[in-house]
Amino acid sequence: MSWDTAGGGDSGWDSGAAANAFNEPVPNEFTGGGHDDGGLGERGQGGESGGYRGACFQCGQEGHNKADCTNPAVAREFTGNCRLCDEVGHRAADCPTAPPKLCNNCKEEGHSTVDCKNARKIDRSEIADVPAELAWRDLVAASAEGDLDDMKEAIAKYIKANPDTNYVELEKAFRSQNINLYLIALEKELAATFTNMDLQGNLDKKFTVSYRKSPRHARPKEKEIWPETPEENLERLKDAGEPVDRGIPKCLNCDQLGHISKNCPEEKQENADRAEVKCFNCDEVGHRVRDCPNPRPDKFACRNCKQSGHSSKECTEPRSAEGIECKKCNEIGHFSRDCPQGGGGGGGACHNCGEEGHRSKECTNEKKIICRNCDQEGHVGRDCTKPRDYSRVKCSNCDQMGHTKVRCKEPLKVDVGENANGGNDFGGSAANAFDQPGPAEFTDGGAGTLMDDGGGDPW
């Protein structure tokens, strides 16, 4: 026996469908809608004091909520109506007229889903009732079109008409009639809450059935789990099925099936990988903002004095060094100008008057004006009457001291910018001219302009 068929041939990877991706969700545990004291009521917000109000729903004591309770549960009087018989005074779990409980797997009485060893009762009520011959014709037509979803739908109709059909019979029929669909049995690891189920509802099958358009694996990593021969594939299909949910919860505390962590008999274990509840108000772990006993700060308050009503720009208080890291010693609590370790800068002296105790921008003395050309006080460099000292001048072209760009003997730097092809910022060559010309007096590339120093020839 060979993978290749006479009529169907190999459709190639371009037309082949990818492997069925069964999303295996992480088992979730629904333990209720948050804290029992949650919500937006008085207890959820904590009132003005921010603490817990009312008794714990677990033990009846005050001062904590049910989520943080370590005491054993205390039975409380039920005053509502039963959701099954609508009678007052008992819960649905204690209803005397409640129907017998059925297993969620086989829908029979006398056992729970955890202990069930029977085949699952498959509900195919949503699948259309059609004769097996018509369903098979739909399968052949869908195979000719290459529509994998239509092929699966036709197979479901055929299985409903012939419920005793198994995967081995289907695979042999596909190969004998040259239907371009392959049932490949893969050895895949599933999550603990999932298992493989065959067409008759039998669980705990070893191999996972994958619907493919080609007998060859699509990815290199599938080579290890792919059957080597068609004969091995048929042998695997005898113990194969499709992934389904077991319908059994998994405890997040002990990793065992059959119960949730709320009902776990073992002690609560610390899990480093488990997400923690952290309060955004006090940054403590173990409670939410709505349950925080600490007062909530005003997020719009002044960052300097922490008072409400103004911002830090309008604050009249001296600048606070709380939380400030010194740039000299890297310690918290003071500015670099007040650093006790010193380290240059004139010991924190004012750059204007030379006195200590304040900065130049806080100086009340007359501002000192020093000339950059002669270092004399009383005037600036552009008003200096002495000859220009070129030893202090740095050329912007060659970055050397002693001359300006005008007197520089080095080749002129080429400015690579948006308008580097022209003489001015407005300039440009004719090839790189702007689509929308500017005013005539600032156009560099045109004829008859007032500033005709552009790079291109005038048109």
Protein backbone atom coordinates (compact mmCIF):
# COMPACT_ATOMS: atom_id res chain seq x y z
CA MET A 1 0.00 0.00 0.00
CA SER A 2 1.28 3.49 -0.81
CA TRP A 3 0.40 7.05 0.14
CA ASP A 4 0.03 7.99 -3.57
CA THR A 5 -3.25 7.17 -5.27
CA ALA A 6 -3.90 6.60 -8.94
CA GLY A 7 -6.64 9.12 -9.42
CA GLY A 8 -6.14 11.64 -6.67
CA GLY A 9 -2.40 12.13 -6.90
CA ASP A 10 -0.46 14.43 -4.68
CA SER A 11 -1.97 17.86 -4.42
CA GLY A 12 1.27 19.39 -3.09
CA TRP A 13 1.81 21.61 -0.07
CA ASP A 14 0.48 24.73 -1.78
CA SER A 15 -3.00 23.28 -1.84
CA GLY A 16 -2.66 21.24 1.30
CA ALA A 17 -4.49 22.33 4.40
CA ALA A 18 -2.68 23.04 7.58
CA ALA A 19 -3.09 20.76 10.52
CA ASN A 20 -6.24 21.07 12.54
CA ALA A 21 -5.34 23.43 15.34
CA PHE A 22 -7.34 22.44 18.37
CA ASN A 23 -7.13 25.35 20.76
CA GLU A 24 -6.65 23.80 24.13
CA PRO A 25 -7.59 26.47 26.64
CA VAL A 26 -6.00 26.51 30.01
CA PRO A 27 -8.56 25.16 32.46
CA ASN A 28 -10.24 28.04 34.17
CA GLU A 29 -11.71 28.03 37.61
CA PHE A 30 -14.79 30.07 38.20
CA THR A 31 -14.94 30.82 41.85
CA GLY A 32 -17.38 33.65 41.72
CA GLY A 33 -17.44 37.26 40.67
CA GLY A 34 -14.64 38.63 42.82
CA HIS A 35 -14.87 39.23 46.55
CA ASP A 36 -18.14 38.77 48.30
CA ASP A 37 -17.77 42.26 49.66
CA GLY A 38 -16.94 43.60 46.20
CA GLY A 39 -18.97 45.74 43.90
CA LEU A 40 -19.59 49.42 44.06
CA GLY A 41 -21.64 49.42 47.23
CA GLU A 42 -20.60 50.64 50.65
CA ARG A 43 -18.64 47.52 51.50
CA GLY A 44 -16.91 47.40 48.09
CA GLN A 45 -15.61 50.92 48.33
CA GLY A 46 -15.03 50.69 52.03
CA GLY A 47 -17.00 53.82 52.80
CA GLU A 48 -15.11 56.80 54.10
CA SER A 49 -12.77 54.71 56.20
CA GLY A 50 -11.84 52.29 53.39
CA GLY A 51 -12.15 49.11 55.52
CA TYR A 52 -14.39 46.03 55.34
CA ARG A 53 -17.98 46.36 56.48
CA GLY A 54 -20.32 43.52 57.27
CA ALA A 55 -19.64 39.91 58.13
CA CYS A 56 -17.64 37.37 56.15
CA PHE A 57 -19.81 35.12 53.97
CA GLN A 58 -17.65 32.15 54.97
CA CYS A 59 -17.53 32.24 58.77
CA GLY A 60 -19.78 35.16 59.71
CA GLN A 61 -17.04 37.15 61.46
CA GLU A 62 -16.26 40.78 60.70
CA GLY A 63 -12.97 42.31 59.62
CA HIS A 64 -12.27 40.30 56.46
CA ASN A 65 -13.99 38.95 53.38
CA LYS A 66 -14.59 35.45 52.12
CA ALA A 67 -11.56 35.39 49.80
CA ASP A 68 -9.18 35.95 52.74
CA CYS A 69 -11.04 33.76 55.22
CA THR A 70 -9.11 30.86 56.78
CA ASN A 71 -11.90 29.72 59.12
CA PRO A 72 -14.14 26.73 58.38
CA ALA A 73 -17.43 27.44 56.65
CA VAL A 74 -20.44 28.05 58.88
CA ALA A 75 -23.87 27.10 57.57
CA ARG A 76 -26.16 30.08 57.19
CA GLU A 77 -29.91 30.14 57.10
CA PHE A 78 -31.26 30.19 53.55
CA THR A 79 -34.22 32.51 53.10
CA GLY A 80 -34.50 32.52 49.30
CA ASN A 81 -36.39 30.35 46.84
CA CYS A 82 -35.17 27.07 45.38
CA ARG A 83 -34.37 27.50 41.68
CA LEU A 84 -35.77 24.04 40.91
CA CYS A 85 -39.11 23.93 42.68
CA ASP A 86 -39.41 27.64 43.61
CA GLU A 87 -40.17 26.72 47.22
CA VAL A 88 -38.91 28.84 50.12
CA GLY A 89 -36.49 27.56 52.72
CA HIS A 90 -34.00 25.33 50.92
CA ARG A 91 -31.38 25.44 48.20
CA ALA A 92 -31.41 23.54 44.92
CA ALA A 93 -28.72 21.21 46.29
CA ASP A 94 -31.09 20.16 49.10
CA CYS A 95 -34.30 20.10 47.03
CA PRO A 96 -36.39 17.01 47.92
CA THR A 97 -38.18 17.02 44.56
CA ALA A 98 -35.07 17.47 42.43
CA PRO A 99 -34.65 14.94 39.60
CA PRO A 100 -31.83 12.40 39.93
CA LYS A 101 -28.40 13.66 38.95
CA LEU A 102 -27.04 12.39 35.67
CA CYS A 103 -23.46 11.86 34.56
CA ASN A 104 -22.41 14.64 32.21
CA ASN A 105 -20.51 12.13 30.07
CA CYS A 106 -22.91 9.23 29.44
CA LYS A 107 -26.13 10.87 30.77
CA GLU A 108 -26.82 7.90 33.08
CA GLU A 109 -27.58 7.77 36.80
CA GLY A 110 -25.59 6.35 39.64
CA HIS A 111 -22.15 7.85 39.16
CA SER A 112 -20.34 11.12 38.56
CA THR A 113 -18.41 12.28 35.52
CA VAL A 114 -15.08 11.68 37.27
CA ASP A 115 -15.84 7.99 37.81
CA CYS A 116 -17.51 7.39 34.44
CA LYS A 117 -15.96 4.66 32.25
CA ASN A 118 -18.71 4.56 29.63
CA ALA A 119 -18.63 5.98 26.14
CA ARG A 120 -19.79 9.57 25.79
CA LYS A 121 -23.28 10.18 24.51
CA ILE A 122 -22.66 12.38 21.47
CA ASP A 123 -25.32 14.95 20.63
CA ARG A 124 -25.67 15.19 16.84
CA SER A 125 -29.02 17.00 16.86
CA GLU A 126 -27.57 20.04 15.08
CA ILE A 127 -26.39 17.93 12.12
CA ALA A 128 -28.80 17.61 9.21
CA ASP A 129 -30.56 14.26 8.72
CA VAL A 130 -29.69 13.08 5.22
CA PRO A 131 -29.26 9.60 3.71
CA ALA A 132 -25.76 8.18 3.76
CA GLU A 133 -25.59 8.09 -0.06
CA LEU A 134 -26.40 11.80 -0.33
CA ALA A 135 -23.87 12.67 2.39
CA TRP A 136 -21.18 10.70 0.54
CA ARG A 137 -21.97 12.50 -2.73
CA ASP A 138 -21.56 15.82 -0.88
CA LEU A 139 -18.19 14.58 0.39
CA VAL A 140 -17.00 13.70 -3.13
CA ALA A 141 -18.15 17.09 -4.45
CA ALA A 142 -16.41 18.96 -1.61
CA SER A 143 -13.24 16.95 -2.26
CA ALA A 144 -13.27 17.99 -5.92
CA GLU A 145 -13.54 21.64 -4.86
CA GLY A 146 -10.85 21.24 -2.19
CA ASP A 147 -13.04 22.71 0.58
CA LEU A 148 -11.93 21.06 3.82
CA ASP A 149 -14.77 22.53 5.91
CA ASP A 150 -17.41 21.17 3.53
CA MET A 151 -15.69 17.78 3.60
CA LYS A 152 -15.85 17.70 7.41
CA GLU A 153 -19.51 18.70 7.34
CA ALA A 154 -20.30 15.92 4.86
CA ILE A 155 -18.43 13.39 7.03
CA ALA A 156 -20.50 14.45 10.06
CA LYS A 157 -23.71 13.86 8.07
CA TYR A 158 -22.46 10.46 6.95
CA ILE A 159 -21.51 9.45 10.50
CA LYS A 160 -24.96 10.46 11.75
CA ALA A 161 -26.53 8.23 9.09
CA ASN A 162 -24.04 5.38 9.81
CA PRO A 163 -23.03 5.77 13.48
CA ASP A 164 -20.96 2.54 13.51
CA THR A 165 -18.45 3.82 10.95
CA ASN A 166 -14.89 4.18 12.27
CA TYR A 167 -11.79 6.04 11.09
CA VAL A 168 -10.17 2.97 9.51
CA GLU A 169 -13.18 2.35 7.26
CA LEU A 170 -13.28 6.01 6.24
CA GLU A 171 -9.56 6.11 5.38
CA LYS A 172 -9.80 2.95 3.27
CA ALA A 173 -12.85 4.33 1.45
CA PHE A 174 -11.04 7.60 0.73
CA ARG A 175 -8.08 5.77 -0.81
CA SER A 176 -10.21 3.38 -2.88
CA GLN A 177 -12.33 6.20 -4.35
CA ASN A 178 -9.44 8.65 -4.80
CA ILE A 179 -10.91 11.26 -2.45
CA ASN A 180 -8.33 13.92 -1.69
CA LEU A 181 -8.67 13.69 2.10
CA TYR A 182 -6.34 11.89 4.50
CA LEU A 183 -7.01 10.90 8.10
CA ILE A 184 -3.60 11.03 9.79
CA ALA A 185 -3.18 9.64 13.31
CA LEU A 186 -0.66 11.77 15.21
CA GLU A 187 0.88 11.14 18.61
CA LYS A 188 0.29 14.47 20.34
CA GLU A 189 0.30 15.46 23.99
CA LEU A 190 -2.94 17.07 25.18
CA ALA A 191 -3.77 19.11 28.25
CA ALA A 192 -4.96 17.20 31.29
CA THR A 193 -8.56 18.37 30.83
CA PHE A 194 -8.66 17.14 27.20
CA THR A 195 -8.76 13.65 25.73
CA ASN A 196 -9.17 11.96 22.34
CA MET A 197 -12.65 10.62 21.49
CA ASP A 198 -13.51 8.39 18.52
CA LEU A 199 -16.67 8.51 16.41
CA GLN A 200 -18.57 6.27 18.84
CA GLY A 201 -17.79 8.36 21.94
CA ASN A 202 -15.03 6.19 23.40
CA LEU A 203 -12.54 8.32 25.34
CA ASP A 204 -8.85 8.16 26.21
CA LYS A 205 -7.63 7.25 22.74
CA LYS A 206 -3.87 7.35 22.26
CA PHE A 207 -3.57 9.11 18.90
CA THR A 208 -5.10 12.33 17.58
CA VAL A 209 -6.85 12.34 14.19
CA SER A 210 -5.91 15.19 11.86
CA TYR A 211 -7.68 15.94 8.56
CA ARG A 212 -5.15 16.65 5.79
CA LYS A 213 -5.13 17.12 2.03
CA SER A 214 -1.74 15.47 1.64
CA PRO A 215 -0.13 12.36 3.13
CA ARG A 216 3.10 14.26 3.79
CA HIS A 217 3.75 16.36 6.88
CA ALA A 218 3.51 20.12 6.38
CA ARG A 219 6.18 21.11 8.90
CA PRO A 220 9.55 19.59 9.79
CA LYS A 221 8.61 19.38 13.47
CA GLU A 222 5.72 17.02 12.58
CA LYS A 223 8.10 14.39 11.23
CA GLU A 224 8.60 12.84 14.67
CA ILE A 225 4.87 12.36 15.29
CA TRP A 226 3.95 11.40 11.69
CA PRO A 227 3.34 7.72 10.76
CA GLU A 228 6.08 6.33 8.53
CA THR A 229 3.85 4.16 6.32
CA PRO A 230 0.16 3.94 5.38
CA GLU A 231 -0.03 0.62 7.18
CA GLU A 232 1.22 2.20 10.41
CA ASN A 233 -1.32 4.99 9.98
CA LEU A 234 -4.20 2.47 9.68
CA GLU A 235 -2.95 0.71 12.79
CA ARG A 236 -2.89 4.01 14.67
CA LEU A 237 -6.40 4.91 13.51
CA LYS A 238 -7.75 1.93 15.46
CA ASP A 239 -6.81 3.76 18.67
CA ALA A 240 -7.36 7.36 17.58
CA GLY A 241 -9.88 10.14 18.11
CA GLU A 242 -10.41 13.88 18.04
CA PRO A 243 -9.60 16.13 21.05
CA VAL A 244 -12.57 16.97 23.27
CA ASP A 245 -13.00 18.45 26.73
CA ARG A 246 -13.27 15.86 29.47
CA GLY A 247 -15.87 17.92 31.28
CA ILE A 248 -13.89 17.49 34.50
CA PRO A 249 -12.38 20.51 36.30
CA LYS A 250 -8.75 20.65 37.33
CA CYS A 251 -7.65 21.96 40.70
CA LEU A 252 -5.14 24.80 40.49
CA ASN A 253 -3.87 23.97 43.97
CA CYS A 254 -3.00 20.26 43.72
CA ASP A 255 -3.19 19.80 39.91
CA GLN A 256 -5.65 16.93 40.29
CA LEU A 257 -8.82 16.36 38.25
CA GLY A 258 -12.26 16.26 39.81
CA HIS A 259 -12.48 19.42 41.91
CA ILE A 260 -11.53 23.08 41.98
CA SER A 261 -9.15 24.82 44.35
CA LYS A 262 -12.01 26.17 46.47
CA ASN A 263 -12.96 22.60 47.39
CA CYS A 264 -9.42 21.21 47.52
CA PRO A 265 -8.83 19.06 50.63
CA GLU A 266 -5.10 19.79 50.67
CA GLU A 267 -3.42 22.84 52.14
CA LYS A 268 -3.14 25.89 49.95
CA GLN A 269 0.19 25.84 48.15
CA GLU A 270 2.20 28.82 47.04
CA ASN A 271 2.67 28.96 43.29
CA ALA A 272 5.30 31.38 42.01
CA ASP A 273 3.88 31.28 38.48
CA ARG A 274 0.38 32.18 39.59
CA ALA A 275 -0.73 35.76 39.05
CA GLU A 276 -0.95 37.85 42.20
CA VAL A 277 -3.55 40.43 43.09
CA LYS A 278 -1.78 43.74 43.72
CA CYS A 279 -3.33 46.96 44.96
CA PHE A 280 -2.61 50.00 42.79
CA ASN A 281 -3.17 52.29 45.77
CA CYS A 282 -0.61 50.99 48.26
CA ASP A 283 1.34 48.55 46.02
CA GLU A 284 0.73 45.71 48.47
CA VAL A 285 -0.11 42.17 47.37
CA GLY A 286 -3.26 40.42 48.53
CA HIS A 287 -6.09 42.85 47.90
CA ARG A 288 -7.55 45.13 45.26
CA VAL A 289 -7.96 48.89 45.24
CA ARG A 290 -11.62 48.61 46.20
CA ASP A 291 -10.64 46.73 49.38
CA CYS A 292 -7.62 48.86 50.30
CA PRO A 293 -7.77 50.16 53.90
CA ASN A 294 -5.36 53.01 53.15
CA PRO A 295 -6.75 56.39 52.06
CA ARG A 296 -6.50 57.12 48.38
CA PRO A 297 -4.18 60.01 47.47
CA ASP A 298 -5.25 62.77 45.15
CA LYS A 299 -3.56 62.00 41.84
CA PHE A 300 -4.00 65.63 40.77
CA ALA A 301 -2.30 67.03 43.89
CA CYS A 302 0.91 69.05 43.77
CA ARG A 303 3.92 66.77 43.31
CA ASN A 304 6.04 69.02 45.51
CA CYS A 305 4.00 69.57 48.67
CA LYS A 306 1.38 66.83 48.05
CA GLN A 307 -1.44 69.33 48.67
CA SER A 308 -4.55 69.61 46.53
CA GLY A 309 -5.67 72.72 44.73
CA HIS A 310 -2.58 73.62 42.71
CA SER A 311 0.15 72.11 40.55
CA SER A 312 3.89 71.95 41.19
CA LYS A 313 4.46 74.94 38.88
CA GLU A 314 2.24 77.08 41.10
CA CYS A 315 3.60 75.75 44.40
CA THR A 316 4.97 78.38 46.79
CA GLU A 317 6.69 75.86 49.07
CA PRO A 318 10.43 75.16 48.69
CA ARG A 319 11.18 72.31 46.37
CA SER A 320 11.01 69.03 48.22
CA ALA A 321 13.85 66.54 47.88
CA GLU A 322 11.65 63.58 48.79
CA GLY A 323 12.44 60.70 46.46
CA ILE A 324 15.12 62.72 44.61
CA GLU A 325 18.35 60.92 43.70
CA CYS A 326 21.55 62.93 44.00
CA LYS A 327 23.56 63.02 40.77
CA LYS A 328 26.85 63.05 42.70
CA CYS A 329 26.50 60.34 45.32
CA ASN A 330 23.38 58.56 43.96
CA GLU A 331 21.72 58.70 47.35
CA ILE A 332 18.07 59.55 47.87
CA GLY A 333 16.83 62.59 49.75
CA HIS A 334 18.85 65.60 48.59
CA PHE A 335 19.84 67.53 45.49
CA SER A 336 23.33 67.47 44.02
CA ARG A 337 23.91 71.11 45.01
CA ASP A 338 23.25 70.15 48.64
CA CYS A 339 25.31 66.97 48.52
CA PRO A 340 27.26 66.52 51.79
CA GLN A 341 30.03 64.74 49.89
CA GLY A 342 30.74 67.84 47.78
CA GLY A 343 32.75 67.12 44.69
CA GLY A 344 33.38 70.31 42.69
CA GLY A 345 31.13 73.03 41.48
CA GLY A 346 32.45 75.63 43.94
CA GLY A 347 30.76 74.06 46.92
CA GLY A 348 27.31 75.10 45.74
CA ALA A 349 28.19 78.78 45.19
CA CYS A 350 26.06 81.05 43.04
CA HIS A 351 27.43 81.42 39.51
CA ASN A 352 26.36 85.07 39.46
CA CYS A 353 27.65 86.56 42.71
CA GLY A 354 29.83 83.72 44.04
CA GLU A 355 27.99 83.50 47.36
CA GLU A 356 26.79 80.21 48.79
CA GLY A 357 23.26 79.32 49.83
CA HIS A 358 21.40 79.99 46.60
CA ARG A 359 21.54 79.40 42.87
CA SER A 360 22.05 81.94 40.11
CA LYS A 361 18.39 82.00 39.11
CA GLU A 362 17.45 82.76 42.75
CA CYS A 363 20.15 85.43 43.12
CA THR A 364 18.85 88.87 44.17
CA ASN A 365 22.12 90.68 43.37
CA GLU A 366 22.68 92.56 40.15
CA LYS A 367 23.23 90.21 37.24
CA LYS A 368 26.83 90.04 36.07
CA ILE A 369 27.41 90.38 32.32
CA ILE A 370 30.75 89.01 31.13
CA CYS A 371 32.09 89.48 27.63
CA ARG A 372 33.08 86.27 25.87
CA ASN A 373 35.74 88.12 23.88
CA CYS A 374 37.73 89.94 26.58
CA ASP A 375 36.31 88.45 29.83
CA GLN A 376 35.50 91.93 31.12
CA GLU A 377 32.30 92.71 32.97
CA GLY A 378 29.67 95.19 31.86
CA HIS A 379 29.12 94.30 28.23
CA VAL A 380 28.52 91.35 25.89
CA GLY A 381 30.67 90.10 23.03
CA ARG A 382 28.85 91.92 20.22
CA ASP A 383 29.41 95.26 22.01
CA CYS A 384 33.09 94.64 22.75
CA THR A 385 35.39 97.43 21.48
CA LYS A 386 38.52 95.30 21.52
CA PRO A 387 39.69 93.37 18.46
CA ARG A 388 38.08 89.99 18.08
CA ASP A 389 40.10 87.21 19.72
CA TYR A 390 40.04 84.46 17.09
CA SER A 391 41.79 82.04 19.41
CA ARG A 392 38.40 81.64 21.10
CA VAL A 393 36.50 81.18 17.84
CA LYS A 394 35.67 77.69 16.61
CA CYS A 395 35.12 77.07 12.91
CA SER A 396 31.78 75.46 12.12
CA ASN A 397 33.24 73.85 8.99
CA CYS A 398 36.40 72.08 10.22
CA ASP A 399 35.79 72.33 14.00
CA GLN A 400 39.22 73.92 14.51
CA MET A 401 39.95 76.93 16.72
CA GLY A 402 41.36 80.21 15.40
CA HIS A 403 39.13 81.13 12.46
CA THR A 404 35.56 81.27 11.24
CA LYS A 405 33.85 79.37 8.46
CA VAL A 406 34.38 82.27 6.04
CA ARG A 407 38.17 82.07 6.41
CA CYS A 408 38.32 78.27 6.50
CA LYS A 409 40.72 76.73 3.95
CA GLU A 410 39.22 73.25 4.21
CA PRO A 411 36.65 72.03 1.63
CA LEU A 412 33.17 73.14 2.47
CA LYS A 413 31.06 70.54 4.23
CA VAL A 414 28.14 69.17 2.21
CA ASP A 415 25.00 69.43 4.28
CA VAL A 416 22.90 66.30 3.65
CA GLY A 417 19.45 67.53 4.53
CA GLU A 418 16.04 68.00 3.06
CA ASN A 419 17.13 70.98 0.91
CA ALA A 420 20.84 70.17 0.49
CA ASN A 421 20.82 70.54 -3.31
CA GLY A 422 20.31 74.31 -3.21
CA GLY A 423 22.10 77.38 -1.94
CA ASN A 424 19.54 78.39 0.69
CA ASP A 425 16.91 76.55 2.66
CA PHE A 426 14.45 77.46 -0.05
CA GLY A 427 16.76 76.32 -2.84
CA GLY A 428 16.97 73.11 -4.80
CA SER A 429 17.97 71.78 -8.15
CA ALA A 430 15.51 71.73 -10.97
CA ALA A 431 15.10 67.98 -10.56
CA ASN A 432 14.35 68.24 -6.85
CA ALA A 433 12.27 71.39 -6.88
CA PHE A 434 9.12 71.61 -4.79
CA ASP A 435 5.88 70.62 -6.49
CA GLN A 436 4.27 73.79 -5.20
CA PRO A 437 6.51 76.85 -5.89
CA GLY A 438 6.77 79.47 -3.18
CA PRO A 439 6.49 83.20 -3.58
CA ALA A 440 8.41 84.63 -6.52
CA GLU A 441 10.84 86.59 -4.38
CA PHE A 442 11.98 83.38 -2.59
CA THR A 443 12.09 81.00 -5.55
CA ASP A 444 15.66 79.84 -6.24
CA GLY A 445 15.20 77.85 -9.41
CA GLY A 446 13.10 80.25 -11.50
CA ALA A 447 13.92 83.10 -13.80
CA GLY A 448 13.46 86.72 -12.78
CA THR A 449 13.70 86.09 -9.03
CA LEU A 450 15.03 88.41 -6.38
CA MET A 451 17.15 85.67 -4.73
CA ASP A 452 18.34 83.64 -7.68
CA ASP A 453 21.00 81.59 -5.89
CA GLY A 454 19.45 78.15 -6.30
CA GLY A 455 21.22 75.11 -7.65
CA GLY A 456 19.32 74.56 -10.94
CA ASP A 457 19.24 76.40 -14.23
CA PRO A 458 16.36 78.86 -14.61
CA TRP A 459 13.60 77.72 -16.96
